[in-house]
Amino acid sequence: MPVNTLHAQIARRTGEDLHTLRRHGFDLLRPLPLEQMTDEDRAPLVIDWDDFDAPGSTRYQRG
């Protein structure tokens, strides 16, 4: 949706002046990169500390 159309629809709904809306800078929301990822794309957000501390473990890189 073009920004001008968005501003016109917001102005119609809220009764605000188009100039005021343009000054505020309304825009369409876009998904965040994390929201666009599928479950398969995401790495687990946990660490198996036993595996992390295991001697010779190369699964997690330190530092």
N, C-alpha and C. Protein backbone atom coordinates (compact mmCIF):
# COMPACT_ATOMS: atom_id res chain seq x y z
N MET A 1 0.85 -1.16 0.00
CA MET A 1 0.00 0.00 0.00
C MET A 1 0.90 1.23 0.00
N PRO A 2 0.67 2.13 -0.93
CA PRO A 2 1.46 3.37 -0.96
C PRO A 2 1.23 4.19 0.31
N VAL A 3 2.26 4.91 0.72
CA VAL A 3 2.17 5.71 1.95
C VAL A 3 1.06 6.76 1.85
N ASN A 4 0.88 7.35 0.67
CA ASN A 4 -0.18 8.36 0.51
C ASN A 4 -1.56 7.76 0.76
N THR A 5 -1.77 6.53 0.30
CA THR A 5 -3.05 5.85 0.55
C THR A 5 -3.22 5.56 2.03
N LEU A 6 -2.15 5.13 2.68
CA LEU A 6 -2.18 4.87 4.12
C LEU A 6 -2.55 6.14 4.87
N HIS A 7 -1.89 7.25 4.55
CA HIS A 7 -2.19 8.52 5.22
C HIS A 7 -3.63 8.94 4.99
N ALA A 8 -4.13 8.77 3.77
CA ALA A 8 -5.51 9.16 3.47
C ALA A 8 -6.49 8.33 4.28
N GLN A 9 -6.24 7.04 4.40
CA GLN A 9 -7.15 6.18 5.18
C GLN A 9 -7.10 6.52 6.66
N ILE A 10 -5.90 6.77 7.19
CA ILE A 10 -5.79 7.16 8.60
C ILE A 10 -6.49 8.49 8.85
N ALA A 11 -6.31 9.44 7.93
CA ALA A 11 -6.96 10.75 8.07
C ALA A 11 -8.48 10.60 8.07
N ARG A 12 -8.97 9.75 7.19
CA ARG A 12 -10.42 9.54 7.11
C ARG A 12 -10.94 8.93 8.41
N ARG A 13 -10.20 7.96 8.96
CA ARG A 13 -10.66 7.28 10.19
C ARG A 13 -10.53 8.15 11.44
N THR A 14 -9.43 8.92 11.50
CA THR A 14 -9.17 9.67 12.74
C THR A 14 -9.64 11.11 12.70
N GLY A 15 -9.89 11.63 11.48
CA GLY A 15 -10.28 13.03 11.36
C GLY A 15 -9.09 13.99 11.41
N GLU A 16 -7.88 13.45 11.44
CA GLU A 16 -6.68 14.29 11.47
C GLU A 16 -6.41 14.87 10.09
N ASP A 17 -5.68 15.97 10.07
CA ASP A 17 -5.25 16.62 8.84
C ASP A 17 -4.12 15.80 8.21
N LEU A 18 -4.11 15.71 6.88
CA LEU A 18 -3.06 14.96 6.18
C LEU A 18 -1.67 15.50 6.51
N HIS A 19 -1.54 16.80 6.62
CA HIS A 19 -0.25 17.41 6.94
C HIS A 19 0.25 16.90 8.30
N THR A 20 -0.64 16.82 9.27
CA THR A 20 -0.27 16.34 10.60
C THR A 20 0.19 14.88 10.53
N LEU A 21 -0.55 14.06 9.79
CA LEU A 21 -0.18 12.65 9.68
C LEU A 21 1.17 12.47 8.99
N ARG A 22 1.42 13.25 7.96
CA ARG A 22 2.72 13.15 7.26
C ARG A 22 3.86 13.56 8.19
N ARG A 23 3.61 14.56 9.04
CA ARG A 23 4.62 14.99 10.01
C ARG A 23 4.94 13.88 11.00
N HIS A 24 3.92 13.12 11.38
CA HIS A 24 4.13 12.02 12.34
C HIS A 24 4.83 10.83 11.69
N GLY A 25 4.71 10.69 10.36
CA GLY A 25 5.45 9.66 9.65
C GLY A 25 4.89 8.26 9.80
N PHE A 26 3.60 8.09 9.70
CA PHE A 26 3.01 6.75 9.75
C PHE A 26 3.55 5.90 8.61
N ASP A 27 3.74 4.62 8.89
CA ASP A 27 4.22 3.68 7.87
C ASP A 27 3.66 2.31 8.20
N LEU A 28 3.64 1.43 7.21
CA LEU A 28 3.19 0.06 7.43
C LEU A 28 4.23 -0.70 8.24
N LEU A 29 3.77 -1.54 9.14
CA LEU A 29 4.69 -2.38 9.90
C LEU A 29 5.21 -3.49 9.01
N ARG A 30 6.45 -3.80 9.18
CA ARG A 30 7.07 -4.91 8.45
C ARG A 30 7.51 -5.95 9.49
N PRO A 31 7.41 -7.22 9.16
CA PRO A 31 7.85 -8.23 10.12
C PRO A 31 9.34 -8.08 10.43
N LEU A 32 9.69 -8.30 11.68
CA LEU A 32 11.10 -8.32 12.07
C LEU A 32 11.76 -9.54 11.47
N PRO A 33 13.08 -9.51 11.25
CA PRO A 33 13.75 -10.68 10.66
C PRO A 33 13.46 -11.98 11.41
N LEU A 34 13.40 -11.93 12.73
CA LEU A 34 13.14 -13.15 13.50
C LEU A 34 11.74 -13.68 13.22
N GLU A 35 10.77 -12.78 13.00
CA GLU A 35 9.40 -13.20 12.71
C GLU A 35 9.27 -13.82 11.33
N GLN A 36 10.19 -13.50 10.42
CA GLN A 36 10.15 -14.05 9.07
C GLN A 36 10.76 -15.44 9.01
N MET A 37 11.53 -15.81 10.01
CA MET A 37 12.20 -17.10 10.01
C MET A 37 11.23 -18.21 10.41
N THR A 38 11.43 -19.37 9.85
CA THR A 38 10.65 -20.54 10.25
C THR A 38 11.32 -21.20 11.44
N ASP A 39 10.63 -22.11 12.08
CA ASP A 39 11.21 -22.82 13.22
C ASP A 39 12.47 -23.57 12.83
N GLU A 40 12.52 -24.07 11.59
CA GLU A 40 13.68 -24.81 11.15
C GLU A 40 14.90 -23.91 10.97
N ASP A 41 14.67 -22.62 10.68
CA ASP A 41 15.77 -21.67 10.47
C ASP A 41 16.40 -21.22 11.78
N ARG A 42 15.64 -21.26 12.85
CA ARG A 42 16.12 -20.73 14.13
C ARG A 42 17.00 -21.72 14.85
N ALA A 43 18.08 -21.22 15.37
CA ALA A 43 18.95 -22.04 16.21
C ALA A 43 18.32 -22.11 17.60
N PRO A 44 18.55 -23.20 18.31
CA PRO A 44 18.00 -23.26 19.67
C PRO A 44 18.57 -22.14 20.53
N LEU A 45 17.74 -21.62 21.41
CA LEU A 45 18.16 -20.52 22.27
C LEU A 45 18.55 -21.01 23.66
N VAL A 46 19.04 -22.23 23.73
CA VAL A 46 19.49 -22.80 24.99
C VAL A 46 20.88 -23.40 24.79
N ILE A 47 21.59 -23.56 25.87
CA ILE A 47 22.91 -24.20 25.84
C ILE A 47 22.87 -25.39 26.78
N ASP A 48 23.32 -26.52 26.29
CA ASP A 48 23.50 -27.70 27.16
C ASP A 48 24.84 -27.51 27.85
N TRP A 49 24.80 -27.05 29.11
CA TRP A 49 26.04 -26.71 29.82
C TRP A 49 26.93 -27.92 30.02
N ASP A 50 26.34 -29.11 30.17
CA ASP A 50 27.17 -30.32 30.29
C ASP A 50 27.97 -30.53 29.02
N ASP A 51 27.34 -30.33 27.88
CA ASP A 51 28.04 -30.47 26.60
C ASP A 51 29.04 -29.33 26.41
N PHE A 52 28.67 -28.13 26.85
CA PHE A 52 29.54 -26.97 26.71
C PHE A 52 30.84 -27.16 27.48
N ASP A 53 30.73 -27.69 28.70
CA ASP A 53 31.89 -27.85 29.57
C ASP A 53 32.64 -29.16 29.34
N ALA A 54 32.13 -30.02 28.48
CA ALA A 54 32.78 -31.31 28.24
C ALA A 54 34.16 -31.10 27.62
N PRO A 55 35.17 -31.87 28.09
CA PRO A 55 36.51 -31.74 27.52
C PRO A 55 36.49 -32.07 26.02
N GLY A 56 37.14 -31.23 25.24
CA GLY A 56 37.23 -31.48 23.81
C GLY A 56 35.99 -31.12 23.01
N SER A 57 34.99 -30.53 23.68
CA SER A 57 33.75 -30.18 22.98
C SER A 57 34.01 -29.06 21.99
N THR A 58 33.57 -29.24 20.76
CA THR A 58 33.71 -28.20 19.73
C THR A 58 32.36 -27.67 19.28
N ARG A 59 31.31 -28.11 19.94
CA ARG A 59 29.96 -27.71 19.54
C ARG A 59 29.73 -26.21 19.75
N TYR A 60 30.22 -25.68 20.87
CA TYR A 60 30.05 -24.26 21.18
C TYR A 60 31.43 -23.60 21.14
N GLN A 61 31.49 -22.46 20.48
CA GLN A 61 32.74 -21.73 20.41
C GLN A 61 32.78 -20.69 21.52
N ARG A 62 33.85 -20.67 22.28
CA ARG A 62 33.99 -19.68 23.34
C ARG A 62 34.53 -18.37 22.78
N GLY A 63 34.01 -17.27 23.35
CA GLY A 63 34.55 -15.96 23.13
C GLY A 63 34.36 -15.37 21.84
